[in-house]
Amino acid sequence: MALPIALYSSAQVRALDAHAIAALGIPAYTLMKRAGEAALRHLRSRFPVAHRIVIVCGGGNNGGDGYVLARFAQAAGLTVTALAASNPEELRGAARQAFADFRASSARALPFAAPLLGEGEVVVDALLGTGLHGEVRPEYAAAIRAINTCGRPVFALDVPSGLDSDAGVPLGETVRADSTVTFVGLKTGLLVGEGPEYTGTVFFDDLELTPPPGEFVPRLTRIVESEILAALPRRRRAAHKGDFGRVLIVGGGPGMPGATRLAGEACLRVGAGLTTVAVAPENVAAIAAGRPELICLALGEPRVLAEALERADVVAIGPGLGRTPWAHAALDTVLAVDKPLVVDADALNLLAEAEVRPREGWILTPHPGEAARLLAATTQEIQRDRLAALDRLLARFGGTVVLKGAGTLVGGGGRIPGVCERGNPGMATAGSGDVLTGAIAGILAQCRDAWAAARVGVLVHAMAGDAAARGGERGVLASDLARELHHGVNL
């Protein structure tokens, strides 16, 4: 089953389970058996030649899923070793029934012992799932360390054990899975924060449950390719450059032409009609020589910027701006104009030092360090719960916020936030954020919708990063991303 667009918190998924049991009359054990069937199906699909399976079972419903899988896998002809990381006699509810049926099939669970993991070609993690609250207990931490060092591929049930299923952060020792199959609802923690570092390939099965309309509003949505065409439809044959917007990018303080040039080129690459870069006078020649398609404006007297702002449909400010009095003056002039606005880099750092009111017409694009400065927090606090940080940024500044990083988040306008699962570590390179700023500004100039521009800009930027890293992640340059943007906006 393809991954759904909607993502839910673990509390929402538990509520949907409870709804199925109470309102629809589906026994809890029936759902557990469906989970076991789905797990076996995806296990065999992911590891088609594996015959020997070791399943490590915990003391809750995740362990129950493991015992169901063990029974079904054994019936399918696989050689199964079930390892009990806690006393199965203490299981309750559906998990207890799962163990009873497993034992009735003439199988038995062995006490967990690390050397036994080596008997499998695949190790299944059925230790903790979404039921974890707080740090992993020592006895489970030891089992997790053994799983991570056993030298076998790991297949996790629902959520890798030790991973916070909402925030996507490890709660002590955490299983590093090669694949994860999750049930009922796609959990936010699998795609945000550090979640993708631990989940591997994610599979999904809804266990034949559908959230009732209106009762379960997703916590997140995946940003998907269909949004590109919606924001950037096919062009009319008679179109001209004036139809696709005039963008002004303000930045490039003394000695820093590169960031503004990257943003400007990205803006052109996503299809903006006309792009002007307003920079310190000393940077004009370098930018014009390297990218003649950009209109270069020497930002000397204040009136020059004021006149350029009048002509622009969209303004972006920040790349290479600096924090000099010149930069302060430029930002003040830009903020005084009511234009669609993209704010990044040093402009965000200047905002963090100023008293500004929430504004609906802007898109802020902070990385975790900039977000920390905007919220007077630490980077670690931002990364500990990125969704909460996004909510705080929106409450403080309004508009649309793009919280950059692995699993970039987009929120604003009272809509369900989005998460981008594309991208790779090769994009952690100087200038990558400037390319994103230009891409969002260029798309905004064409679609005139901040929400759509932010989501689509983030997606095509990540797709460009993946395309640029086809030959390897190390050594990818921001200019490589800019060149690849053209393909993403022409799907």
Foldseek 3Di string as FASTA:
>chain_A
DDAAFFAAAPVLLVVLLVCCCPVVVDFPLLLLLLLLVVLLVVVCVVVVPWQEEEEEAAQESLNLSRLSNQQVSVVVPGHYAYEYLDDLVNHDDSSVVSNVVSVVVVDDHHHDDLVVNLRGLEYEYSHQAQNDDAADDPSVLVVQVSQQPVPHAYEYEAAWPQANQAQLDGRHRTHQHLAYEHEQGHTNNCQHFVNVRRHRHYHYDNSPGDDDPPPGDGLAGAQDLVLLCVLPPDDDPPDALVLQFEEEEEAAEPPALPLQLLLQLLLVLLPHSAYEYEYAQVNQVVSCVVDVRYHYHHPDDPVSLVVVVVVGQEYEYAGNHDDDVSSVSSLVSVVVDPHQYEYEHVSLVVVLVDDDAADARYEYEYELCSLCSNVVHHSCVCSSGVSVSLVVCCVGHAHWYWHDDQQIWIDHDPDNIYTYNAADPLCPEPNLVSSLSSQLRSSCRNRVDNRSSNSLSVHLLRVQRVVQQPVHSPPRDSVSSSVSSNVSSVD
